Amino acid sequence: MNVAVFVDAVYLYALACAARYGTNHPRIRLSLNVEAVVRELKREVAALDGGGARLIRIYWYDGAPLAGRTAEQARVAATSDVKLRLGTVNAYGEQKGVDALIVHDLSELARNRAIDAAILVSGDEDILVGVQTAQAFGVRLHLLGIDVHRTQSEKLRFEADVCHEWAEGVVAPWIALTTERAAAPPATGEQIAEIAATLAPAIEERLPTIVETWDRVRRLPPDVNLRLMKALNTALGRTIEPHERIPLREQFVDALRALAAGGAPGDDGETNGDAFAPETAADAAAVHANGNAHATDASG
C-alpha cells in the first residue's frame, strides 16, 4: 500500500499551540519541532495495512511571507521524505493558494494511481473536493486531527474514510515559544513603497484625508494602521516594535505622497499627474475597462 501524507502547517501550528498554551500566539513567536512531527507521521503510516504501508512522501503546505520562506520552512524543505509546498501570504497577512495546492496534489496522485491511501492533517472543508476526487479513484482517506475542541470541519470528517486524533499530550511538546530574538532587521524603503502600492487601491478615495490627518495630528485611521502593521509584520517576518511604529508610519505616508504625485520615490521621467485630481471621463473609462482593479476590502 502506497501512502502520502498531506500536512496543513497553519492547522498544525494553531492546534499545537492551543494544546500547549491553551490560547493562540503569533506564528512568528512559535517554533515547531519539525523532526518530531515527521517521526510521528511516519509511525502513523507504518501502522496502516498491518505494517505493510509504504510512505511515498510527506507534503507540507504553508504560506510564504513577502520576504520569502522562513528559516523554519527551509528546515522543512531540507528534511528527508518531506516536500515543502508554498502558497503565499499577502500584504494583509492572509494565506492564499494553500488549499488549492492540497486539492491539486491529492487529486493528481490519485488520478495517476500513485497512492492507495492518504493521511490528511487539516481541518479545512475547502479541500473537500480533493478528498472526493481521490476517493473516486479508490484512495482511502485517513483524516488525522488534534484533540482540541473538535476544530475540523464536520463535512470533512463525514467524508473521510477514517478519522483519528492525536492527543493533546502527544502534540503539545512539539511547539514552543521562542525565547531568543535575533537582531531585528529594519524595514527598507523598497518594502515600505511596495506595501504602500499594495494598499493604495483600497484607500484611494481617502488618500487626501489620510495624508492631511497625518500632517495635522500624526495619526492613521485604525483600519489603515492595522493593514500597515500586518503587512510590515509579514514582510519582515517579525512583530514591529513599539518604538518603530511612528517612523514607519511616517515613511508609509511619504510613500503614499509619492504615489499620489505620480510614481514611487526616486522615479525619474514623467509622472502621471495628480492622483488626487477629480476623475476625468477617460479615467472613468479606464477604470471600467480594468474591472475591479480598485475594489476595496474594508474588512481589515
Protein backbone atom coordinates (compact mmCIF):
# COMPACT_ATOMS: atom_id res chain seq x y z
CA MET A 1 0.00 0.00 0.00
CA ASN A 2 1.46 3.35 -1.09
CA VAL A 3 0.64 6.25 1.23
CA ALA A 4 1.15 10.01 1.00
CA VAL A 5 0.72 12.42 3.91
CA PHE A 6 -0.66 15.94 3.48
CA VAL A 7 0.01 18.45 6.28
CA ASP A 8 -1.65 21.86 6.57
CA ALA A 9 1.02 23.69 8.58
CA VAL A 10 -1.30 26.51 9.66
CA TYR A 11 -3.68 23.98 11.21
CA LEU A 12 -0.80 22.13 12.86
CA TYR A 13 0.79 25.26 14.37
CA ALA A 14 -2.52 26.65 15.63
CA LEU A 15 -3.73 23.43 17.25
CA ALA A 16 -0.34 22.51 18.71
CA CYS A 17 -0.16 25.99 20.24
CA ALA A 18 -3.67 25.62 21.69
CA ALA A 19 -2.76 22.19 23.05
CA ARG A 20 0.27 23.51 24.89
CA TYR A 21 -0.69 27.04 25.90
CA GLY A 22 -4.49 27.00 25.77
CA THR A 23 -4.51 30.07 23.55
CA ASN A 24 -3.17 31.42 20.27
CA HIS A 25 0.18 33.12 19.79
CA PRO A 26 1.51 34.89 16.67
CA ARG A 27 3.13 32.44 14.29
CA ILE A 28 6.41 34.36 14.33
CA ARG A 29 6.72 33.67 18.07
CA LEU A 30 6.37 29.91 17.66
CA SER A 31 8.97 27.26 16.96
CA LEU A 32 7.94 23.77 15.82
CA ASN A 33 9.95 20.59 16.29
CA VAL A 34 9.60 19.50 12.67
CA GLU A 35 11.66 16.35 13.16
CA ALA A 36 9.35 15.13 15.95
CA VAL A 37 6.27 15.76 13.80
CA VAL A 38 7.77 13.84 10.87
CA ARG A 39 8.69 10.90 13.12
CA GLU A 40 5.11 10.68 14.41
CA LEU A 41 3.68 10.92 10.89
CA LYS A 42 5.92 8.05 9.78
CA ARG A 43 4.64 6.00 12.72
CA GLU A 44 1.09 6.69 11.56
CA VAL A 45 1.97 5.40 8.08
CA ALA A 46 3.72 2.32 9.49
CA ALA A 47 0.58 1.41 11.44
CA LEU A 48 -1.53 1.15 8.27
CA ASP A 49 -2.21 -2.11 6.43
CA GLY A 50 -0.79 -4.24 9.22
CA GLY A 51 2.62 -2.64 8.85
CA GLY A 52 2.80 -3.12 5.09
CA ALA A 53 2.29 0.52 4.08
CA ARG A 54 4.99 2.35 2.13
CA LEU A 55 5.44 6.12 2.50
CA ILE A 56 5.67 7.95 -0.82
CA ARG A 57 6.37 11.29 0.83
CA ILE A 58 5.03 13.88 3.25
CA TYR A 59 3.66 17.01 1.58
CA TRP A 60 3.96 20.04 3.85
CA TYR A 61 1.82 23.07 2.93
CA ASP A 62 2.43 26.58 4.23
CA GLY A 63 2.28 30.23 3.20
CA ALA A 64 5.47 32.09 2.24
CA PRO A 65 5.78 35.66 3.59
CA LEU A 66 6.54 38.54 1.22
CA ALA A 67 10.14 38.43 2.41
CA GLY A 68 10.50 34.80 1.28
CA ARG A 69 10.39 31.48 3.06
CA THR A 70 11.28 31.42 6.74
CA ALA A 71 14.19 29.60 8.36
CA GLU A 72 11.75 27.03 9.72
CA GLN A 73 10.28 26.47 6.25
CA ALA A 74 13.79 25.99 4.89
CA ARG A 75 14.36 23.35 7.56
CA VAL A 76 11.17 21.59 6.50
CA ALA A 77 12.33 21.62 2.87
CA ALA A 78 15.65 20.04 3.88
CA THR A 79 14.01 17.21 5.85
CA SER A 80 14.14 13.74 4.27
CA ASP A 81 10.86 12.42 2.83
CA VAL A 82 9.23 15.86 3.07
CA LYS A 83 8.24 18.07 0.15
CA LEU A 84 7.56 21.71 1.03
CA ARG A 85 4.73 23.29 -0.96
CA LEU A 86 4.27 27.03 -0.51
CA GLY A 87 1.32 29.27 -1.16
CA THR A 88 1.61 32.96 -0.43
CA VAL A 89 0.84 35.36 2.41
CA ASN A 90 -0.46 38.66 1.06
CA ALA A 91 0.15 42.17 2.39
CA TYR A 92 -2.75 41.78 4.81
CA GLY A 93 -1.30 38.64 6.41
CA GLU A 94 -3.81 36.34 4.69
CA GLN A 95 -2.68 32.95 3.38
CA LYS A 96 -3.54 32.29 -0.26
CA GLY A 97 -3.32 29.26 -2.54
CA VAL A 98 -2.57 26.54 0.01
CA ASP A 99 -5.94 24.78 -0.20
CA ALA A 100 -5.67 24.71 -4.00
CA LEU A 101 -2.23 23.08 -3.77
CA ILE A 102 -3.55 20.35 -1.46
CA VAL A 103 -6.52 19.66 -3.74
CA HIS A 104 -4.26 19.54 -6.82
CA ASP A 105 -1.63 17.23 -5.34
CA LEU A 106 -4.12 14.85 -3.74
CA SER A 107 -6.20 14.64 -6.92
CA GLU A 108 -3.21 14.13 -9.23
CA LEU A 109 -1.62 11.41 -7.11
CA ALA A 110 -4.95 9.59 -7.02
CA ARG A 111 -5.58 10.04 -10.76
CA ASN A 112 -2.12 8.68 -11.57
CA ARG A 113 -2.64 5.69 -9.27
CA ALA A 114 0.45 6.71 -7.31
CA ILE A 115 -1.20 6.21 -3.91
CA ASP A 116 -3.65 3.79 -2.32
CA ALA A 117 -4.25 5.81 0.85
CA ALA A 118 -3.73 9.35 2.10
CA ILE A 119 -3.31 10.76 5.60
CA LEU A 120 -4.59 14.32 5.80
CA VAL A 121 -3.68 16.64 8.69
CA SER A 122 -6.09 19.53 8.22
CA GLY A 123 -9.47 20.83 9.27
CA ASP A 124 -10.46 22.97 6.30
CA GLU A 125 -13.52 21.94 4.29
CA ASP A 126 -12.18 23.89 1.28
CA ILE A 127 -10.13 20.78 0.45
CA LEU A 128 -13.27 18.62 0.37
CA VAL A 129 -13.30 18.44 -3.44
CA GLY A 130 -9.78 16.96 -3.39
CA VAL A 131 -10.88 14.32 -0.90
CA GLN A 132 -13.89 13.40 -3.03
CA THR A 133 -11.80 13.22 -6.21
CA ALA A 134 -9.20 10.97 -4.57
CA GLN A 135 -11.89 8.68 -3.23
CA ALA A 136 -13.43 8.42 -6.69
CA PHE A 137 -10.12 6.87 -7.80
CA GLY A 138 -10.20 4.36 -4.95
CA VAL A 139 -7.94 6.17 -2.45
CA ARG A 140 -8.81 5.68 1.23
CA LEU A 141 -8.71 8.93 3.16
CA HIS A 142 -7.48 8.94 6.76
CA LEU A 143 -8.24 12.27 8.46
CA LEU A 144 -5.82 12.98 11.28
CA GLY A 145 -6.74 15.75 13.71
CA ILE A 146 -5.64 17.18 17.03
CA ASP A 147 -7.90 16.66 20.02
CA VAL A 148 -8.57 20.32 20.82
CA HIS A 149 -12.30 21.14 20.81
CA ARG A 150 -13.01 19.25 17.56
CA THR A 151 -11.79 22.00 15.24
CA GLN A 152 -12.08 20.06 11.98
CA SER A 153 -14.89 20.71 9.54
CA GLU A 154 -17.82 18.38 10.15
CA LYS A 155 -18.24 17.90 6.39
CA LEU A 156 -14.60 16.87 6.11
CA ARG A 157 -14.95 14.38 8.97
CA PHE A 158 -18.08 12.87 7.44
CA GLU A 159 -16.40 12.48 4.04
CA ALA A 160 -13.23 10.80 5.37
CA ASP A 161 -13.00 7.01 5.44
CA VAL A 162 -11.26 7.00 8.83
CA CYS A 163 -10.97 9.75 11.47
CA HIS A 164 -8.24 9.67 14.08
CA GLU A 165 -6.93 12.26 16.53
CA TRP A 166 -3.61 12.90 18.20
CA ALA A 167 -3.98 13.52 21.92
CA GLU A 168 -3.02 16.95 23.21
CA GLY A 169 -0.24 15.34 25.23
CA VAL A 170 1.34 13.98 22.05
CA VAL A 171 1.25 17.29 20.19
CA ALA A 172 1.98 19.86 22.92
CA PRO A 173 5.73 19.08 23.26
CA TRP A 174 6.27 19.83 19.56
CA ILE A 175 5.64 23.57 19.89
CA ALA A 176 7.44 26.23 21.91
CA LEU A 177 7.52 29.98 22.24
CA THR A 178 10.80 31.37 21.01
CA THR A 179 12.82 32.90 23.84
CA GLU A 180 15.71 34.35 21.89
CA ARG A 181 15.20 37.11 19.38
CA ALA A 182 17.71 37.80 16.67
CA ALA A 183 18.62 41.35 15.79
CA ALA A 184 15.53 42.78 14.15
CA PRO A 185 16.10 43.77 10.51
CA PRO A 186 14.75 47.25 9.75
CA ALA A 187 12.20 47.87 7.04
CA THR A 188 13.71 49.14 3.81
CA GLY A 189 12.39 51.98 1.70
CA GLU A 190 11.59 49.45 -1.04
CA GLN A 191 9.45 47.39 1.33
CA ILE A 192 7.54 50.47 2.52
CA ALA A 193 6.96 51.60 -1.07
CA GLU A 194 5.75 48.12 -2.07
CA ILE A 195 3.32 47.99 0.86
CA ALA A 196 2.03 51.49 0.05
CA ALA A 197 1.49 50.48 -3.58
CA THR A 198 -0.38 47.35 -2.45
CA LEU A 199 -2.65 49.17 -0.02
CA ALA A 200 -3.24 52.33 -2.08
CA PRO A 201 -6.00 50.98 -4.38
CA ALA A 202 -8.17 50.05 -1.39
CA ILE A 203 -7.85 53.51 0.19
CA GLU A 204 -7.56 55.63 -2.97
CA GLU A 205 -10.58 57.82 -2.27
CA ARG A 206 -9.35 58.52 1.26
CA LEU A 207 -5.73 59.32 0.43
CA PRO A 208 -6.02 63.13 0.70
CA THR A 209 -7.74 62.84 4.09
CA ILE A 210 -5.22 60.27 5.33
CA VAL A 211 -2.26 62.45 4.39
CA GLU A 212 -3.87 65.63 5.77
CA THR A 213 -4.75 63.94 9.07
CA TRP A 214 -1.24 62.58 9.42
CA ASP A 215 0.28 66.01 8.83
CA ARG A 216 -2.04 67.53 11.41
CA VAL A 217 -2.15 65.01 14.28
CA ARG A 218 0.29 62.24 13.29
CA ARG A 219 -2.39 59.53 13.25
CA LEU A 220 -3.58 56.98 10.70
CA PRO A 221 -7.15 55.65 10.51
CA PRO A 222 -7.34 52.45 12.64
CA ASP A 223 -8.12 50.18 9.67
CA VAL A 224 -5.24 51.58 7.60
CA ASN A 225 -2.84 51.31 10.54
CA LEU A 226 -3.89 47.69 11.12
CA ARG A 227 -3.27 46.77 7.48
CA LEU A 228 0.08 48.56 7.52
CA MET A 229 1.26 46.78 10.67
CA LYS A 230 0.12 43.37 9.37
CA ALA A 231 1.92 43.95 6.09
CA LEU A 232 5.11 45.04 7.88
CA ASN A 233 4.99 42.05 10.23
CA THR A 234 4.69 39.75 7.22
CA ALA A 235 7.36 41.48 5.15
CA LEU A 236 9.89 41.46 8.00
CA GLY A 237 8.92 38.09 9.46
CA ARG A 238 8.58 39.58 12.94
CA THR A 239 6.39 41.81 15.08
CA ILE A 240 7.01 45.54 14.72
CA GLU A 241 8.38 47.01 17.95
CA PRO A 242 6.50 49.96 19.54
CA HIS A 243 9.41 52.37 19.04
CA GLU A 244 9.43 51.61 15.29
CA ARG A 245 5.80 52.39 14.59
CA ILE A 246 5.81 56.18 14.24
CA PRO A 247 8.87 56.31 11.92
CA LEU A 248 7.38 53.52 9.79
CA ARG A 249 4.04 55.30 9.58
CA GLU A 250 5.88 58.44 8.51
CA GLN A 251 7.66 56.53 5.73
CA PHE A 252 4.36 54.96 4.68
CA VAL A 253 2.65 58.35 4.36
CA ASP A 254 5.64 59.68 2.40
CA ALA A 255 5.29 56.71 0.05
CA LEU A 256 1.59 57.49 -0.38
CA ARG A 257 2.50 61.09 -1.25
CA ALA A 258 4.93 59.82 -3.88
CA LEU A 259 2.25 57.59 -5.38
CA ALA A 260 -0.19 60.49 -5.40
CA ALA A 261 2.39 62.60 -7.20
CA GLY A 262 2.62 60.01 -9.93
CA GLY A 263 5.23 57.39 -9.02
CA ALA A 264 7.33 55.65 -6.45
CA PRO A 265 10.01 57.58 -4.55
CA GLY A 266 13.00 58.21 -6.74
CA ASP A 267 11.19 57.58 -10.03
CA ASP A 268 12.56 59.56 -12.95
CA GLY A 269 10.76 60.76 -16.02
CA GLU A 270 7.24 61.94 -16.46
CA THR A 271 4.65 61.47 -13.78
CA ASN A 272 1.02 60.54 -14.17
CA GLY A 273 -0.24 63.81 -12.77
CA ASP A 274 -2.06 64.40 -9.52
CA ALA A 275 -3.69 61.23 -8.25
CA PHE A 276 -5.98 63.35 -6.09
CA ALA A 277 -7.38 65.28 -9.06
CA PRO A 278 -11.06 64.74 -9.97
CA GLU A 279 -11.65 61.73 -12.19
CA THR A 280 -11.90 62.53 -15.87
CA ALA A 281 -14.11 60.73 -18.37
CA ALA A 282 -11.02 58.99 -19.74
CA ASP A 283 -10.06 57.90 -16.23
CA ALA A 284 -13.53 56.51 -15.64
CA ALA A 285 -13.39 54.56 -18.89
CA ALA A 286 -10.01 53.12 -17.94
CA VAL A 287 -11.31 52.04 -14.54
CA HIS A 288 -14.34 50.44 -16.19
CA ALA A 289 -12.11 48.58 -18.63
CA ASN A 290 -9.95 47.27 -15.80
CA GLY A 291 -12.91 45.81 -13.92
CA ASN A 292 -12.43 45.64 -10.21
CA ALA A 293 -8.83 46.89 -10.11
CA HIS A 294 -9.73 49.43 -7.44
CA ALA A 295 -12.10 47.29 -5.37
CA THR A 296 -11.81 47.89 -1.67
CA ASP A 297 -11.54 45.48 1.23
CA ALA A 298 -12.88 47.19 4.30
CA SER A 299 -12.73 44.09 6.48
CA GLY A 300 -9.09 44.67 7.52
